[in-house]
């Protein structure tokens, strides 16, 4: 109610029509992505989301699907192993559209929801919880913004390239672990290295930190005039 009565009204007064919502732990988020927001505008979507193909059936991500006939996200803790492993005749996972927590909403749609009496459901998450007696099994009740998808008259998914848009930080660093600060940094380095290579820059052998400020390039554009045929001698490489 506070949001409905405050910030959404301010946004509407200032001519803001769309909101992008994303998790802070994804280092590759394209903030204000013109393709994503443009899709929403062209399709007249109430809300939309980005997805990637699952890396594996066991990947701990929610998937887009239908719950009791309603659009939504089914969390990895809810879908079960049997359904997670279902495949099509071509070998692709049936439940393959992973939620990477990049959503778009119209201010109008959120205002309509805020003025209604709807109640979002709770999701049950079973967790190991630290206690004074050691780890104990517990249950968390979680509410998610994606549960409003079911109320949209128009909803679209945009599948994107994982290497370009999704590198989450979910775990602490450790040998063999995924979704860590180190794997996220390396994903950023590899993406920015790819941009330089495509722009005909000459890079040193091996790997190392490569970072390009978004003030220099948003998604690799405009770099050729800066780096074409330029020989970089060593890592790290920073363009800012």
Protein backbone atom coordinates (compact mmCIF):
# COMPACT_ATOMS: atom_id res chain seq x y z
CA UNK A 1 0.00 0.00 0.00
CA UNK A 2 2.82 2.39 0.84
CA UNK A 3 4.45 1.72 -2.53
CA UNK A 4 1.14 2.14 -4.33
CA UNK A 5 0.42 5.42 -2.57
CA UNK A 6 3.93 6.79 -2.87
CA UNK A 7 6.64 5.79 -5.32
CA UNK A 8 4.38 4.50 -8.08
CA UNK A 9 2.43 7.76 -8.06
CA UNK A 10 5.69 9.72 -8.20
CA UNK A 11 6.87 7.60 -11.14
CA UNK A 12 3.60 8.08 -12.98
CA UNK A 13 3.69 11.84 -12.41
CA UNK A 14 7.22 11.94 -13.84
CA UNK A 15 6.23 10.02 -16.94
CA UNK A 16 7.94 6.74 -15.99
CA UNK A 17 6.13 3.86 -17.67
CA UNK A 18 8.38 0.85 -17.06
CA UNK A 19 10.39 -0.65 -14.20
CA UNK A 20 13.22 -3.13 -14.50
CA UNK A 21 13.77 -5.40 -11.48
CA UNK A 22 16.88 -7.56 -11.06
CA UNK A 23 18.96 -9.30 -8.41
CA UNK A 24 22.07 -7.51 -7.19
CA UNK A 25 24.11 -10.72 -7.27
CA UNK A 26 24.21 -10.95 -11.08
CA UNK A 27 27.29 -9.09 -12.31
CA UNK A 28 26.25 -9.30 -15.99
CA UNK A 29 22.85 -7.59 -15.73
CA UNK A 30 22.16 -5.17 -18.57
CA UNK A 31 20.66 -2.29 -16.64
CA UNK A 32 18.02 -0.51 -18.71
CA UNK A 33 18.38 -2.99 -21.58
CA UNK A 34 16.81 -1.24 -24.60
CA UNK A 35 16.05 -4.56 -26.32
CA UNK A 36 14.17 -5.90 -23.30
CA UNK A 37 12.26 -2.71 -22.56
CA UNK A 38 11.64 -2.20 -26.28
CA UNK A 39 10.11 -5.67 -26.51
CA UNK A 40 7.75 -4.79 -23.68
CA UNK A 41 6.73 -1.58 -25.41
CA UNK A 42 6.20 -3.20 -28.83
CA UNK A 43 4.28 -6.15 -27.37
CA UNK A 44 2.30 -3.94 -24.95
CA UNK A 45 3.29 -6.32 -22.17
CA UNK A 46 2.14 -5.80 -18.58
CA UNK A 47 5.27 -7.62 -17.48
CA UNK A 48 8.07 -9.68 -18.94
CA UNK A 49 11.13 -11.65 -17.89
CA UNK A 50 14.44 -12.88 -19.24
CA UNK A 51 15.36 -16.55 -19.22
CA UNK A 52 18.32 -18.76 -20.08
CA UNK A 53 18.49 -22.46 -20.87
CA UNK A 54 19.32 -24.48 -17.77
CA UNK A 55 22.96 -25.51 -17.52
CA UNK A 56 21.84 -28.94 -16.29
CA UNK A 57 18.73 -30.61 -14.95
CA UNK A 58 20.15 -30.32 -11.43
CA UNK A 59 20.88 -26.57 -11.63
CA UNK A 60 19.30 -24.85 -8.64
CA UNK A 61 17.19 -22.26 -10.43
CA UNK A 62 13.47 -21.70 -10.70
CA UNK A 63 11.86 -22.38 -14.08
CA UNK A 64 9.05 -20.66 -15.94
CA UNK A 65 5.92 -22.75 -16.35
CA UNK A 66 2.29 -23.13 -15.48
CA UNK A 67 1.11 -23.74 -11.94
CA UNK A 68 -2.53 -24.83 -11.87
CA UNK A 69 -2.87 -23.25 -15.30
CA UNK A 70 -1.38 -19.92 -14.23
CA UNK A 71 1.89 -18.43 -15.50
CA UNK A 72 4.64 -18.30 -12.92
CA UNK A 73 7.95 -19.55 -11.65
CA UNK A 74 8.32 -22.97 -10.08
CA UNK A 75 11.24 -23.02 -7.67
CA UNK A 76 13.85 -25.81 -7.89
CA UNK A 77 12.82 -26.90 -4.40
CA UNK A 78 9.23 -27.40 -5.60
CA UNK A 79 9.50 -29.11 -8.98
CA UNK A 80 11.11 -32.36 -7.87
CA UNK A 81 13.84 -34.49 -9.43
CA UNK A 82 11.58 -36.48 -11.76
CA UNK A 83 10.14 -33.44 -13.54
CA UNK A 84 13.50 -31.65 -13.55
CA UNK A 85 14.93 -34.51 -15.62
CA UNK A 86 12.09 -34.80 -18.15
CA UNK A 87 13.29 -34.39 -21.74
CA UNK A 88 11.66 -33.83 -25.12
CA UNK A 89 12.10 -36.21 -28.05
CA UNK A 90 14.99 -34.00 -29.21
CA UNK A 91 16.78 -34.33 -25.88
CA UNK A 92 16.07 -30.85 -24.53
CA UNK A 93 14.82 -30.45 -20.98
CA UNK A 94 11.05 -30.00 -20.86
CA UNK A 95 11.36 -27.49 -18.03
CA UNK A 96 14.25 -25.54 -19.48
CA UNK A 97 13.47 -21.82 -19.16
CA UNK A 98 15.46 -20.76 -16.10
CA UNK A 99 14.45 -17.67 -14.17
CA UNK A 100 17.46 -15.35 -13.81
CA UNK A 101 15.52 -12.72 -11.86
CA UNK A 102 15.50 -10.02 -14.52
CA UNK A 103 11.93 -8.77 -14.82
CA UNK A 104 10.13 -5.82 -16.32
CA UNK A 105 6.83 -4.30 -15.21
CA UNK A 106 4.68 -1.41 -16.31
CA UNK A 107 3.92 1.15 -13.64
CA UNK A 108 0.25 0.93 -14.66
CA UNK A 109 0.17 -2.83 -14.00
CA UNK A 110 1.79 -2.50 -10.58
CA UNK A 111 -0.60 0.31 -9.62
CA UNK A 112 -3.56 -1.86 -10.55
CA UNK A 113 -2.23 -4.68 -8.39
CA UNK A 114 -1.55 -2.30 -5.51
CA UNK A 115 -5.14 -1.09 -5.48
CA UNK A 116 -6.56 -4.64 -5.45
CA UNK A 117 -7.07 -7.03 -2.55
CA UNK A 118 -4.96 -9.87 -3.95
CA UNK A 119 -2.69 -11.88 -1.69
CA UNK A 120 0.42 -13.56 -3.02
CA UNK A 121 1.12 -17.17 -2.00
CA UNK A 122 3.97 -18.34 0.18
CA UNK A 123 6.56 -20.80 -1.13
CA UNK A 124 7.96 -23.43 1.20
CA UNK A 125 11.75 -23.68 1.31
CA UNK A 126 13.37 -26.40 3.40
CA UNK A 127 16.70 -25.22 4.79
CA UNK A 128 19.44 -26.32 7.11
CA UNK A 129 19.46 -23.61 9.77
CA UNK A 130 22.35 -22.99 12.20
CA UNK A 131 21.42 -23.18 15.87
CA UNK A 132 23.18 -23.32 19.25
CA UNK A 133 22.82 -27.11 19.00
CA UNK A 134 24.23 -27.33 15.48
CA UNK A 135 22.45 -27.41 12.11
CA UNK A 136 18.74 -28.21 12.25
CA UNK A 137 16.12 -28.70 9.56
CA UNK A 138 13.81 -25.75 9.12
CA UNK A 139 11.11 -24.37 6.85
CA UNK A 140 11.10 -20.86 5.43
CA UNK A 141 8.00 -19.20 4.00
CA UNK A 142 9.06 -17.06 1.04
CA UNK A 143 7.08 -14.60 -1.08
CA UNK A 144 8.29 -13.64 -4.54
CA UNK A 145 7.49 -10.76 -6.87
CA UNK A 146 7.23 -13.13 -9.83
CA UNK A 147 3.94 -14.45 -8.48
CA UNK A 148 2.24 -11.37 -9.98
CA UNK A 149 2.90 -12.78 -13.48
CA UNK A 150 -0.32 -14.77 -13.27
CA UNK A 151 -2.36 -11.54 -13.11
CA UNK A 152 -0.89 -10.05 -16.30
CA UNK A 153 -3.07 -9.81 -19.39
CA UNK A 154 0.10 -9.80 -21.51
CA UNK A 155 3.33 -11.53 -20.46
CA UNK A 156 6.44 -12.34 -22.52
CA UNK A 157 9.70 -14.22 -22.04
CA UNK A 158 12.95 -13.20 -23.70
CA UNK A 159 15.56 -15.95 -23.80
CA UNK A 160 19.07 -14.49 -23.64
CA UNK A 161 22.65 -15.74 -23.84
CA UNK A 162 23.84 -16.95 -20.45
CA UNK A 163 27.48 -15.97 -21.06
CA UNK A 164 26.41 -12.41 -21.81
CA UNK A 165 23.78 -11.84 -19.13
CA UNK A 166 23.94 -14.25 -16.21
CA UNK A 167 26.74 -14.79 -13.71
CA UNK A 168 25.23 -15.03 -10.25
CA UNK A 169 26.96 -15.09 -6.87
CA UNK A 170 25.24 -17.63 -4.65
CA UNK A 171 28.11 -19.42 -2.90
CA UNK A 172 31.38 -18.61 -1.21
CA UNK A 173 34.60 -19.37 -3.07
CA UNK A 174 35.86 -22.94 -2.86
CA UNK A 175 37.47 -25.56 -5.05
CA UNK A 176 35.01 -26.94 -7.61
CA UNK A 177 32.20 -24.64 -6.52
CA UNK A 178 29.98 -22.76 -8.96
CA UNK A 179 28.22 -19.39 -8.73
CA UNK A 180 30.97 -17.86 -6.59
CA UNK A 181 32.59 -14.41 -6.61
CA UNK A 182 35.50 -15.91 -8.58
CA UNK A 183 33.31 -17.54 -11.27
CA UNK A 184 31.33 -14.30 -11.62
CA UNK A 185 34.48 -12.21 -12.03
CA UNK A 186 35.85 -14.66 -14.60
CA UNK A 187 32.57 -14.51 -16.55
CA UNK A 188 32.85 -10.72 -16.69
CA UNK A 189 36.51 -10.90 -17.74
CA UNK A 190 35.72 -13.39 -20.53
CA UNK A 191 32.81 -11.31 -21.84
CA UNK A 192 34.86 -8.13 -21.97
CA UNK A 193 37.80 -9.98 -23.49
CA UNK A 194 35.43 -11.20 -26.21
CA UNK A 195 34.37 -7.61 -26.92
CA UNK A 196 38.01 -6.57 -27.38
CA UNK A 197 38.77 -9.55 -29.61
CA UNK A 198 35.74 -8.79 -31.78
CA UNK A 199 36.99 -5.20 -32.06
CA UNK A 200 40.34 -6.45 -33.45
CA UNK A 201 42.42 -5.61 -30.39
CA UNK A 202 45.68 -7.54 -29.91
CA UNK A 203 45.71 -9.14 -26.48
CA UNK A 204 48.55 -10.81 -24.57
CA UNK A 205 48.65 -14.58 -24.33
CA UNK A 206 46.85 -16.30 -21.49
CA UNK A 207 44.06 -14.95 -19.32
CA UNK A 208 43.75 -12.13 -16.87
CA UNK A 209 41.40 -9.39 -15.67
CA UNK A 210 39.70 -7.42 -18.46
CA UNK A 211 37.17 -4.78 -17.47
CA UNK A 212 35.47 -2.19 -19.66
CA UNK A 213 33.53 0.58 -17.96
CA UNK A 214 29.87 0.84 -19.04
CA UNK A 215 30.68 4.52 -19.64
CA UNK A 216 32.97 3.32 -22.45
CA UNK A 217 30.76 0.57 -23.91
CA UNK A 218 27.40 -0.88 -22.88
CA UNK A 219 27.59 -4.20 -24.74
CA UNK A 220 30.74 -4.05 -26.85
CA UNK A 221 29.70 -1.29 -29.23
CA UNK A 222 32.01 1.60 -30.14
CA UNK A 223 35.22 -0.18 -29.17
CA UNK A 224 36.79 -0.69 -32.58
CA UNK A 225 37.71 2.97 -32.99
CA UNK A 226 39.45 2.80 -29.60
CA UNK A 227 41.28 -0.55 -29.76
CA UNK A 228 41.53 -1.82 -33.34
CA UNK A 229 45.07 -3.12 -33.94
CA UNK A 230 46.12 -1.81 -30.52
CA UNK A 231 48.62 -4.11 -28.80
CA UNK A 232 47.95 -4.59 -25.09
CA UNK A 233 51.14 -5.72 -23.40
CA UNK A 234 49.87 -7.34 -20.21
CA UNK A 235 46.96 -7.99 -17.88
CA UNK A 236 45.06 -6.48 -16.19
CA UNK A 237 43.37 -4.47 -18.92
CA UNK A 238 41.04 -1.68 -17.83
CA UNK A 239 39.20 0.70 -20.15
CA UNK A 240 37.47 3.56 -18.40
